């Protein structure tokens, strides 16, 4: 039984500040707000692996960002005017322009208040009706091999592919893509953005950890697991965590206790 993609976890120096930025950037709600961990998401929505949008969870770390992230978020736009308006709005919220060698690309590269790169895409038919968070993109060495791993891990099919690129998505829902793009730079250090995976009903964390190991993942001893969560890495060393499903946020009912 495939494991469910659940959330994107982001290392942060100030989780509440970064959550506040991304909640405004995406038009989502802050669903948890504490000094050590904060999160944003879509209320009353299914999990990412079930066809909803991923929660984005910011967890406090001491290590500062030092190199370009190998995992980044991509935001959607409806047309050129919408793209330019989105960029302007994000700059007003505290984003900054970033140069990662994109030159005259049709997308715009920005960085959030802690320097995490992200893109505001040009209008694309493949991202229509996906929502504001179009894709989570992973730099890799071999998109074919890594796509095969993630396809078997999540049960998501590869719906778009080209030379040095593969994109997976829920088989029947228009939700955020999981994209793999080949780059020449090798992975160095731990990714500051990474996914959380959760077992589906009828399974549990140990069962899913064992299954993912058979697919080529490995355990990590980096102090990031613990309790009921297990830290792992995919065949290229990209970190992720297998943990019990997160409680999905609900909209306020207006009732008083």
Protein backbone atom coordinates (compact mmCIF):
# COMPACT_ATOMS: atom_id res chain seq x y z
CA UNK A 1 0.00 0.00 0.00
CA UNK A 2 1.58 3.35 -1.00
CA UNK A 3 2.53 5.89 1.65
CA UNK A 4 0.71 9.22 1.62
CA UNK A 5 2.50 12.53 0.98
CA UNK A 6 1.32 14.73 3.81
CA UNK A 7 3.30 17.95 4.30
CA UNK A 8 6.32 20.00 3.32
CA UNK A 9 8.62 20.74 6.27
CA UNK A 10 10.82 23.85 6.18
CA UNK A 11 13.73 24.61 8.53
CA UNK A 12 13.35 28.10 9.96
CA UNK A 13 15.06 30.45 12.37
CA UNK A 14 11.69 32.00 13.27
CA UNK A 15 8.82 29.61 12.47
CA UNK A 16 5.93 31.97 13.40
CA UNK A 17 7.35 34.78 11.25
CA UNK A 18 7.86 32.51 8.25
CA UNK A 19 4.42 30.93 8.66
CA UNK A 20 2.84 34.37 8.72
CA UNK A 21 4.58 35.27 5.45
CA UNK A 22 3.55 32.07 3.68
CA UNK A 23 -0.02 32.22 4.94
CA UNK A 24 -0.37 35.64 3.30
CA UNK A 25 1.57 34.51 0.22
CA UNK A 26 -0.69 31.51 -0.40
CA UNK A 27 -3.92 32.88 1.05
CA UNK A 28 -4.01 29.99 3.53
CA UNK A 29 -4.58 29.88 7.29
CA UNK A 30 -1.99 29.65 10.03
CA UNK A 31 -3.05 26.33 11.53
CA UNK A 32 -0.45 26.12 14.31
CA UNK A 33 1.61 28.90 15.85
CA UNK A 34 4.31 28.20 18.44
CA UNK A 35 7.94 29.31 18.83
CA UNK A 36 9.36 25.89 17.89
CA UNK A 37 6.90 24.98 15.12
CA UNK A 38 4.26 26.74 13.06
CA UNK A 39 2.26 25.63 10.05
CA UNK A 40 -0.07 26.84 7.31
CA UNK A 41 -2.66 24.93 5.34
CA UNK A 42 -6.10 24.81 3.78
CA UNK A 43 -8.85 24.28 6.33
CA UNK A 44 -11.35 21.45 5.83
CA UNK A 45 -9.21 19.93 3.07
CA UNK A 46 -7.97 16.36 2.58
CA UNK A 47 -4.32 15.50 2.96
CA UNK A 48 -1.96 16.11 0.05
CA UNK A 49 -1.75 12.41 -0.74
CA UNK A 50 -5.55 12.22 -0.81
CA UNK A 51 -5.94 15.02 -3.33
CA UNK A 52 -5.72 18.15 -1.17
CA UNK A 53 -2.96 20.71 -0.79
CA UNK A 54 0.13 19.98 1.32
CA UNK A 55 0.43 21.51 4.74
CA UNK A 56 3.61 23.60 5.05
CA UNK A 57 5.28 23.17 8.44
CA UNK A 58 8.07 25.44 9.72
CA UNK A 59 10.29 23.96 12.39
CA UNK A 60 12.97 25.87 14.30
CA UNK A 61 16.63 25.03 13.72
CA UNK A 62 19.82 26.74 14.77
CA UNK A 63 21.73 26.25 11.50
CA UNK A 64 21.47 29.23 9.13
CA UNK A 65 20.77 28.80 5.43
CA UNK A 66 24.06 28.82 3.53
CA UNK A 67 23.53 27.42 0.00
CA UNK A 68 20.78 27.31 -2.62
CA UNK A 69 18.00 24.96 -1.59
CA UNK A 70 17.66 21.71 -3.55
CA UNK A 71 13.93 21.64 -2.82
CA UNK A 72 11.75 24.67 -3.53
CA UNK A 73 8.14 25.72 -3.92
CA UNK A 74 6.54 27.01 -7.12
CA UNK A 75 3.51 29.30 -7.13
CA UNK A 76 0.96 29.35 -9.94
CA UNK A 77 -0.35 32.27 -11.97
CA UNK A 78 -3.22 32.62 -14.43
CA UNK A 79 -1.62 34.96 -16.96
CA UNK A 80 1.22 37.44 -17.32
CA UNK A 81 -0.65 40.24 -15.53
CA UNK A 82 -1.50 37.89 -12.67
CA UNK A 83 2.15 36.78 -12.43
CA UNK A 84 3.40 40.37 -12.23
CA UNK A 85 0.74 41.28 -9.66
CA UNK A 86 1.66 38.23 -7.56
CA UNK A 87 5.36 39.15 -7.66
CA UNK A 88 4.58 42.73 -6.62
CA UNK A 89 2.36 41.54 -3.76
CA UNK A 90 5.00 39.10 -2.50
CA UNK A 91 7.69 41.77 -2.56
CA UNK A 92 5.42 43.98 -0.47
CA UNK A 93 5.00 41.09 2.00
CA UNK A 94 8.76 40.79 2.53
CA UNK A 95 10.04 38.60 -0.29
CA UNK A 96 13.13 39.63 -2.26
CA UNK A 97 14.34 38.96 -5.79
CA UNK A 98 16.84 36.11 -6.15
CA UNK A 99 19.34 35.24 -8.86
CA UNK A 100 20.07 31.53 -9.26
CA UNK A 101 21.21 31.80 -12.87
CA UNK A 102 17.71 31.81 -14.37
CA UNK A 103 18.63 34.56 -16.89
CA UNK A 104 15.63 35.26 -19.19
CA UNK A 105 13.35 32.51 -17.85
CA UNK A 106 9.57 33.11 -18.03
CA UNK A 107 9.23 32.44 -14.32
CA UNK A 108 10.30 34.85 -11.57
CA UNK A 109 12.62 33.71 -8.79
CA UNK A 110 12.12 35.21 -5.34
CA UNK A 111 13.26 34.39 -1.82
CA UNK A 112 11.16 34.40 1.33
CA UNK A 113 12.23 36.43 4.42
CA UNK A 114 14.73 33.71 5.43
CA UNK A 115 16.25 33.37 1.96
CA UNK A 116 14.42 30.24 0.77
CA UNK A 117 14.17 30.43 -3.02
CA UNK A 118 10.81 29.94 -4.71
CA UNK A 119 9.33 30.65 -8.15
CA UNK A 120 6.26 32.47 -9.41
CA UNK A 121 5.50 30.58 -12.59
CA UNK A 122 4.25 31.84 -15.89
CA UNK A 123 0.74 30.64 -16.79
CA UNK A 124 0.73 26.92 -17.59
CA UNK A 125 -2.14 24.64 -18.59
CA UNK A 126 -0.69 21.84 -16.46
CA UNK A 127 -1.10 23.98 -13.33
CA UNK A 128 -4.59 25.22 -14.01
CA UNK A 129 -6.98 24.56 -11.08
CA UNK A 130 -4.12 23.30 -8.89
CA UNK A 131 -4.35 26.21 -6.46
CA UNK A 132 -1.71 28.75 -5.41
CA UNK A 133 0.97 26.15 -4.62
CA UNK A 134 1.62 24.64 -8.04
CA UNK A 135 4.55 22.33 -7.31
CA UNK A 136 7.22 21.15 -4.91
CA UNK A 137 10.42 20.74 -6.94
CA UNK A 138 13.39 18.55 -6.06
CA UNK A 139 16.84 18.91 -7.66
CA UNK A 140 18.27 15.50 -8.51
CA UNK A 141 20.96 13.62 -10.43
CA UNK A 142 18.72 11.06 -12.18
CA UNK A 143 15.06 12.00 -12.65
CA UNK A 144 14.12 8.58 -14.10
CA UNK A 145 15.46 6.53 -11.20
CA UNK A 146 14.16 8.94 -8.58
CA UNK A 147 10.73 9.12 -10.24
CA UNK A 148 10.55 5.32 -10.14
CA UNK A 149 11.23 5.38 -6.41
CA UNK A 150 8.67 8.08 -5.63
CA UNK A 151 6.07 6.53 -7.92
CA UNK A 152 6.28 3.25 -5.99
CA UNK A 153 6.54 5.05 -2.64
CA UNK A 154 3.44 7.23 -3.10
CA UNK A 155 1.37 5.43 -5.72
CA UNK A 156 1.32 8.60 -7.81
CA UNK A 157 1.90 8.22 -11.56
CA UNK A 158 4.39 10.18 -13.64
CA UNK A 159 2.06 12.42 -15.65
CA UNK A 160 4.67 14.65 -17.30
CA UNK A 161 8.19 13.88 -18.32
CA UNK A 162 10.92 15.08 -20.65
CA UNK A 163 14.68 14.89 -20.79
CA UNK A 164 16.02 15.41 -17.26
CA UNK A 165 12.54 16.06 -15.80
CA UNK A 166 9.64 14.10 -14.31
CA UNK A 167 6.46 15.22 -12.55
CA UNK A 168 4.16 13.13 -10.37
CA UNK A 169 0.68 14.00 -9.14
CA UNK A 170 -2.36 12.43 -7.56
CA UNK A 171 -3.94 10.18 -10.22
CA UNK A 172 -7.37 11.83 -10.15
CA UNK A 173 -7.12 15.19 -8.31
CA UNK A 174 -5.72 18.54 -9.43
CA UNK A 175 -3.34 19.11 -6.57
CA UNK A 176 0.24 20.25 -6.02
CA UNK A 177 2.76 18.46 -8.24
CA UNK A 178 5.86 16.59 -6.98
CA UNK A 179 8.50 17.44 -9.59
CA UNK A 180 12.05 16.16 -10.13
CA UNK A 181 14.55 18.12 -12.22
CA UNK A 182 18.13 17.12 -12.97
CA UNK A 183 20.90 19.55 -12.05
CA UNK A 184 24.68 19.19 -12.36
CA UNK A 185 25.43 20.26 -8.78
CA UNK A 186 25.78 17.37 -6.29
CA UNK A 187 23.83 17.32 -3.06
CA UNK A 188 25.83 18.71 -0.13
CA UNK A 189 24.40 18.94 3.35
CA UNK A 190 20.88 18.39 4.59
CA UNK A 191 17.88 19.75 2.68
CA UNK A 192 16.11 22.61 4.45
CA UNK A 193 12.83 21.64 2.75
CA UNK A 194 11.63 18.04 2.76
CA UNK A 195 8.38 16.05 2.75
CA UNK A 196 6.57 14.32 5.57
CA UNK A 197 4.95 11.00 4.62
CA UNK A 198 2.17 9.30 6.56
CA UNK A 199 0.77 5.75 6.46
CA UNK A 200 -2.66 5.24 4.99
CA UNK A 201 -5.47 3.68 7.04
CA UNK A 202 -4.73 0.04 7.67
CA UNK A 203 -0.96 0.55 7.87
CA UNK A 204 1.45 2.04 10.40
CA UNK A 205 4.84 3.75 10.57
CA UNK A 206 7.00 0.60 11.07
CA UNK A 207 5.27 -1.18 8.19
CA UNK A 208 5.75 1.75 5.85
CA UNK A 209 9.38 2.26 6.91
CA UNK A 210 10.12 -1.38 6.07
CA UNK A 211 8.37 -1.09 2.71
CA UNK A 212 10.25 2.11 1.80
CA UNK A 213 13.54 0.45 2.74
CA UNK A 214 12.77 -2.35 0.29
CA UNK A 215 12.24 0.30 -2.39
CA UNK A 216 15.68 1.80 -1.76
CA UNK A 217 15.19 4.33 1.06
CA UNK A 218 17.37 4.23 4.16
CA UNK A 219 17.19 5.16 7.81
CA UNK A 220 18.87 8.33 9.00
CA UNK A 221 20.39 8.94 12.39
CA UNK A 222 20.32 12.73 12.29
CA UNK A 223 18.28 13.42 15.39
CA UNK A 224 15.29 14.57 13.33
CA UNK A 225 13.08 11.58 14.01
CA UNK A 226 12.20 10.39 17.45
CA UNK A 227 8.99 9.36 19.14
CA UNK A 228 6.62 7.92 16.57
CA UNK A 229 8.46 9.50 13.60
CA UNK A 230 11.28 7.96 11.56
CA UNK A 231 13.81 10.03 9.61
CA UNK A 232 14.72 8.54 6.22
CA UNK A 233 16.34 9.44 2.89
CA UNK A 234 15.42 8.53 -0.68
CA UNK A 235 17.97 6.83 -2.98
CA UNK A 236 19.69 10.17 -3.72
CA UNK A 237 19.90 11.12 -0.06
CA UNK A 238 16.96 13.56 0.04
CA UNK A 239 15.63 13.57 3.58
CA UNK A 240 12.03 12.86 4.51
CA UNK A 241 10.15 11.70 7.58
CA UNK A 242 7.54 8.97 8.05
CA UNK A 243 5.17 9.91 10.84
CA UNK A 244 1.58 9.35 11.94
CA UNK A 245 -0.94 11.42 9.95
CA UNK A 246 -1.20 15.04 11.04
CA UNK A 247 -4.55 16.24 12.30
CA UNK A 248 -6.20 18.16 9.47
CA UNK A 249 -7.17 21.76 10.38
CA UNK A 250 -10.81 22.75 10.43
CA UNK A 251 -12.43 26.11 9.96
CA UNK A 252 -13.77 27.78 13.14
CA UNK A 253 -17.38 26.86 13.89
CA UNK A 254 -18.18 29.98 15.91
CA UNK A 255 -19.33 27.87 18.86
CA UNK A 256 -18.13 28.74 22.34
CA UNK A 257 -17.12 26.24 24.96
